[in-house]
């Protein structure tokens, strides 16, 4: 590995950068270190080291997510904060 370094300028949304700085700081590294890790792993694998997709759920999943949101907001649906109470109701 060479001891010489070079600067790279990357443009990104300032909020995104702030979030990344916080995350990588919590992991004990700088954004520069995280970027270097990403590039090294990319070179090792000969690809981007994670899957890139549109991550669009199918219609069944979308329907289930909408139903879950509706249930979560419905005050007539009983919620639980105690597992014993939940299991007791399930047995009834």
N, C-alpha and C. Protein backbone atom coordinates (compact mmCIF):
# COMPACT_ATOMS: atom_id res chain seq x y z
N UNK A 1 0.84 -1.17 0.00
CA UNK A 1 0.00 0.00 0.00
C UNK A 1 0.89 1.24 0.00
N UNK A 2 0.51 2.22 -0.77
CA UNK A 2 1.28 3.44 -0.90
C UNK A 2 1.03 4.37 0.28
N UNK A 3 2.05 5.13 0.65
CA UNK A 3 1.90 6.10 1.73
C UNK A 3 1.35 7.42 1.23
N UNK A 4 1.26 7.60 -0.09
CA UNK A 4 0.76 8.87 -0.62
C UNK A 4 -0.77 8.85 -0.63
N UNK A 5 -1.33 10.02 -0.44
CA UNK A 5 -2.78 10.16 -0.46
C UNK A 5 -3.16 11.23 -1.47
N UNK A 6 -4.41 11.23 -1.83
CA UNK A 6 -4.93 12.26 -2.72
C UNK A 6 -6.29 12.70 -2.18
N UNK A 7 -6.65 13.90 -2.48
CA UNK A 7 -7.94 14.42 -2.05
C UNK A 7 -9.00 14.14 -3.10
N UNK A 8 -10.20 13.84 -2.64
CA UNK A 8 -11.35 13.64 -3.51
C UNK A 8 -12.46 14.55 -2.99
N UNK A 9 -13.08 15.28 -3.86
CA UNK A 9 -14.22 16.11 -3.47
C UNK A 9 -15.49 15.40 -3.86
N UNK A 10 -16.39 15.22 -2.91
CA UNK A 10 -17.66 14.55 -3.14
C UNK A 10 -18.77 15.50 -2.74
N UNK A 11 -19.71 15.72 -3.63
CA UNK A 11 -20.86 16.55 -3.31
C UNK A 11 -21.98 15.67 -2.81
N UNK A 12 -22.57 16.05 -1.66
CA UNK A 12 -23.71 15.32 -1.13
C UNK A 12 -24.57 16.29 -0.35
N UNK A 13 -25.80 15.92 -0.18
CA UNK A 13 -26.74 16.71 0.60
C UNK A 13 -26.17 16.94 2.00
N UNK A 14 -26.28 18.15 2.51
CA UNK A 14 -25.67 18.47 3.80
C UNK A 14 -26.32 17.69 4.95
N UNK A 15 -27.63 17.44 4.88
CA UNK A 15 -28.28 16.64 5.92
C UNK A 15 -27.78 15.19 5.88
N UNK A 16 -27.61 14.66 4.68
CA UNK A 16 -27.10 13.30 4.52
C UNK A 16 -25.69 13.19 5.10
N UNK A 17 -24.86 14.20 4.82
CA UNK A 17 -23.50 14.20 5.36
C UNK A 17 -23.51 14.25 6.88
N UNK A 18 -24.37 15.09 7.45
CA UNK A 18 -24.45 15.19 8.90
C UNK A 18 -24.87 13.86 9.52
N UNK A 19 -25.83 13.19 8.90
CA UNK A 19 -26.27 11.87 9.39
C UNK A 19 -25.14 10.86 9.30
N UNK A 20 -24.42 10.88 8.18
CA UNK A 20 -23.29 9.95 8.01
C UNK A 20 -22.19 10.25 9.02
N UNK A 21 -21.89 11.53 9.24
CA UNK A 21 -20.87 11.89 10.23
C UNK A 21 -21.24 11.36 11.61
N UNK A 22 -22.53 11.49 11.99
CA UNK A 22 -22.97 11.00 13.30
C UNK A 22 -22.84 9.47 13.38
N UNK A 23 -23.33 8.78 12.34
CA UNK A 23 -23.27 7.32 12.34
C UNK A 23 -21.84 6.83 12.42
N UNK A 24 -20.99 7.31 11.53
CA UNK A 24 -19.62 6.82 11.50
C UNK A 24 -18.86 7.25 12.75
N UNK A 25 -19.20 8.42 13.30
CA UNK A 25 -18.60 8.84 14.57
C UNK A 25 -18.93 7.86 15.68
N UNK A 26 -20.20 7.42 15.72
CA UNK A 26 -20.60 6.43 16.72
C UNK A 26 -19.87 5.12 16.53
N UNK A 27 -19.49 4.83 15.29
CA UNK A 27 -18.74 3.61 14.99
C UNK A 27 -17.24 3.81 15.17
N UNK A 28 -16.84 5.02 15.58
CA UNK A 28 -15.43 5.30 15.87
C UNK A 28 -14.59 5.62 14.65
N UNK A 29 -15.24 6.15 13.61
CA UNK A 29 -14.46 6.48 12.42
C UNK A 29 -15.00 7.75 11.78
N UNK A 30 -14.22 8.30 10.90
CA UNK A 30 -14.62 9.49 10.15
C UNK A 30 -15.30 9.06 8.84
N UNK A 31 -15.89 10.03 8.18
CA UNK A 31 -16.49 9.78 6.88
C UNK A 31 -15.41 9.35 5.89
N UNK A 32 -14.23 9.93 6.00
CA UNK A 32 -13.10 9.55 5.13
C UNK A 32 -12.74 8.08 5.33
N UNK A 33 -12.66 7.64 6.58
CA UNK A 33 -12.34 6.24 6.86
C UNK A 33 -13.43 5.33 6.32
N UNK A 34 -14.69 5.69 6.53
CA UNK A 34 -15.80 4.89 6.02
C UNK A 34 -15.74 4.78 4.49
N UNK A 35 -15.45 5.89 3.83
CA UNK A 35 -15.36 5.87 2.37
C UNK A 35 -14.20 4.97 1.92
N UNK A 36 -13.07 5.04 2.61
CA UNK A 36 -11.93 4.18 2.27
C UNK A 36 -12.27 2.71 2.47
N UNK A 37 -13.00 2.40 3.54
CA UNK A 37 -13.44 1.02 3.76
C UNK A 37 -14.32 0.56 2.61
N UNK A 38 -15.27 1.42 2.21
CA UNK A 38 -16.16 1.10 1.09
C UNK A 38 -15.35 0.82 -0.18
N UNK A 39 -14.40 1.68 -0.51
CA UNK A 39 -13.61 1.51 -1.74
C UNK A 39 -12.77 0.24 -1.67
N UNK A 40 -12.13 -0.02 -0.54
CA UNK A 40 -11.31 -1.23 -0.41
C UNK A 40 -12.17 -2.49 -0.56
N UNK A 41 -13.33 -2.50 0.08
CA UNK A 41 -14.20 -3.67 -0.03
C UNK A 41 -14.70 -3.83 -1.47
N UNK A 42 -15.00 -2.73 -2.13
CA UNK A 42 -15.42 -2.79 -3.54
C UNK A 42 -14.33 -3.42 -4.40
N UNK A 43 -13.10 -3.00 -4.17
CA UNK A 43 -11.98 -3.57 -4.94
C UNK A 43 -11.77 -5.04 -4.62
N UNK A 44 -11.90 -5.42 -3.34
CA UNK A 44 -11.76 -6.83 -2.96
C UNK A 44 -12.78 -7.70 -3.67
N UNK A 45 -14.04 -7.22 -3.69
CA UNK A 45 -15.12 -8.02 -4.26
C UNK A 45 -15.31 -7.81 -5.76
N UNK A 46 -14.71 -6.76 -6.29
CA UNK A 46 -14.86 -6.46 -7.71
C UNK A 46 -16.28 -5.99 -8.05
N UNK A 47 -16.94 -5.40 -7.05
CA UNK A 47 -18.31 -4.91 -7.24
C UNK A 47 -18.65 -3.98 -6.10
N UNK A 48 -19.80 -3.33 -6.17
CA UNK A 48 -20.30 -2.59 -5.02
C UNK A 48 -20.66 -3.64 -3.98
N UNK A 49 -20.17 -3.49 -2.75
CA UNK A 49 -20.29 -4.58 -1.77
C UNK A 49 -21.64 -4.71 -1.07
N UNK A 50 -22.68 -4.31 -1.72
CA UNK A 50 -24.03 -4.52 -1.21
C UNK A 50 -24.99 -4.45 -2.37
N UNK A 51 -26.18 -4.98 -2.16
CA UNK A 51 -27.17 -5.01 -3.22
C UNK A 51 -27.78 -3.63 -3.39
N UNK A 52 -27.93 -3.21 -4.61
CA UNK A 52 -28.60 -1.94 -4.92
C UNK A 52 -29.89 -2.29 -5.66
N UNK A 53 -31.00 -1.82 -5.12
CA UNK A 53 -32.27 -2.08 -5.76
C UNK A 53 -33.22 -0.93 -5.50
N UNK A 54 -34.30 -0.92 -6.21
CA UNK A 54 -35.32 0.08 -5.98
C UNK A 54 -36.06 -0.20 -4.69
N UNK A 55 -35.98 -1.43 -4.22
CA UNK A 55 -36.57 -1.85 -2.96
C UNK A 55 -38.05 -1.46 -2.88
N UNK A 56 -38.73 -1.70 -3.97
CA UNK A 56 -40.15 -1.40 -4.01
C UNK A 56 -40.92 -2.66 -3.64
N UNK A 57 -41.72 -2.59 -2.59
CA UNK A 57 -42.49 -3.77 -2.20
C UNK A 57 -43.56 -4.10 -3.23
N UNK A 58 -43.90 -5.39 -3.30
CA UNK A 58 -44.97 -5.78 -4.22
C UNK A 58 -46.31 -5.33 -3.65
N UNK A 59 -47.37 -5.49 -4.42
CA UNK A 59 -48.68 -4.98 -4.01
C UNK A 59 -49.19 -5.63 -2.73
N UNK A 60 -48.90 -6.92 -2.54
CA UNK A 60 -49.35 -7.61 -1.32
C UNK A 60 -48.66 -7.02 -0.08
N UNK A 61 -47.35 -6.77 -0.21
CA UNK A 61 -46.62 -6.18 0.91
C UNK A 61 -47.09 -4.75 1.18
N UNK A 62 -47.32 -3.99 0.12
CA UNK A 62 -47.82 -2.62 0.28
C UNK A 62 -49.16 -2.63 0.98
N UNK A 63 -50.04 -3.53 0.59
CA UNK A 63 -51.36 -3.63 1.24
C UNK A 63 -51.20 -3.98 2.72
N UNK A 64 -50.31 -4.90 3.04
CA UNK A 64 -50.09 -5.30 4.42
C UNK A 64 -49.53 -4.13 5.24
N UNK A 65 -48.64 -3.35 4.65
CA UNK A 65 -48.08 -2.20 5.35
C UNK A 65 -49.16 -1.15 5.62
N UNK A 66 -50.02 -0.91 4.65
CA UNK A 66 -51.11 0.05 4.83
C UNK A 66 -52.08 -0.43 5.91
N UNK A 67 -52.37 -1.73 5.91
CA UNK A 67 -53.26 -2.29 6.93
C UNK A 67 -52.63 -2.17 8.31
N UNK A 68 -51.34 -2.41 8.41
CA UNK A 68 -50.65 -2.29 9.70
C UNK A 68 -50.69 -0.85 10.20
N UNK A 69 -50.52 0.11 9.30
CA UNK A 69 -50.62 1.52 9.68
C UNK A 69 -52.02 1.85 10.18
N UNK A 70 -53.03 1.35 9.47
CA UNK A 70 -54.41 1.60 9.86
C UNK A 70 -54.68 1.01 11.24
N UNK A 71 -54.25 -0.21 11.47
CA UNK A 71 -54.47 -0.87 12.76
C UNK A 71 -53.75 -0.10 13.88
N UNK A 72 -52.52 0.35 13.60
CA UNK A 72 -51.74 1.06 14.62
C UNK A 72 -52.41 2.37 15.02
N UNK A 73 -53.13 2.99 14.10
CA UNK A 73 -53.79 4.27 14.39
C UNK A 73 -55.21 4.11 14.90
N UNK A 74 -55.74 2.91 14.85
CA UNK A 74 -57.13 2.66 15.23
C UNK A 74 -57.23 2.55 16.76
N UNK A 75 -57.91 3.50 17.41
CA UNK A 75 -57.99 3.46 18.87
C UNK A 75 -58.83 2.30 19.41
N UNK A 76 -59.63 1.68 18.54
CA UNK A 76 -60.44 0.55 19.02
C UNK A 76 -59.67 -0.76 19.04
N UNK A 77 -58.48 -0.78 18.48
CA UNK A 77 -57.66 -2.00 18.47
C UNK A 77 -56.82 -2.01 19.74
N UNK A 78 -56.92 -3.10 20.49
CA UNK A 78 -56.21 -3.22 21.75
C UNK A 78 -54.71 -3.43 21.50
N UNK A 79 -53.91 -2.68 22.23
CA UNK A 79 -52.46 -2.83 22.17
C UNK A 79 -51.95 -3.44 23.46
N UNK A 80 -50.74 -3.93 23.43
CA UNK A 80 -50.16 -4.60 24.60
C UNK A 80 -48.80 -4.02 24.92
N UNK A 81 -48.54 -3.87 26.20
CA UNK A 81 -47.21 -3.52 26.68
C UNK A 81 -46.68 -4.61 27.60
N UNK A 82 -47.50 -5.64 27.82
CA UNK A 82 -47.15 -6.74 28.72
C UNK A 82 -47.37 -8.06 27.99
N UNK A 83 -46.33 -8.85 27.84
CA UNK A 83 -46.44 -10.12 27.12
C UNK A 83 -47.37 -11.10 27.81
N UNK A 84 -47.37 -11.10 29.13
CA UNK A 84 -48.25 -12.01 29.85
C UNK A 84 -49.72 -11.73 29.51
N UNK A 85 -50.07 -10.44 29.45
CA UNK A 85 -51.43 -10.05 29.10
C UNK A 85 -51.76 -10.48 27.67
N UNK A 86 -50.82 -10.31 26.76
CA UNK A 86 -51.01 -10.71 25.37
C UNK A 86 -51.28 -12.22 25.28
N UNK A 87 -50.42 -13.01 25.95
CA UNK A 87 -50.58 -14.46 25.89
C UNK A 87 -51.87 -14.91 26.56
N UNK A 88 -52.26 -14.24 27.63
CA UNK A 88 -53.52 -14.57 28.29
C UNK A 88 -54.69 -14.33 27.35
N UNK A 89 -54.67 -13.22 26.62
CA UNK A 89 -55.74 -12.94 25.66
C UNK A 89 -55.71 -13.92 24.49
N UNK A 90 -54.53 -14.36 24.08
CA UNK A 90 -54.44 -15.32 22.99
C UNK A 90 -55.01 -16.68 23.39
N UNK A 91 -54.85 -17.04 24.65
CA UNK A 91 -55.37 -18.33 25.14
C UNK A 91 -56.87 -18.29 25.33
N UNK A 92 -57.43 -17.11 25.54
CA UNK A 92 -58.87 -16.98 25.81
C UNK A 92 -59.72 -17.27 24.60
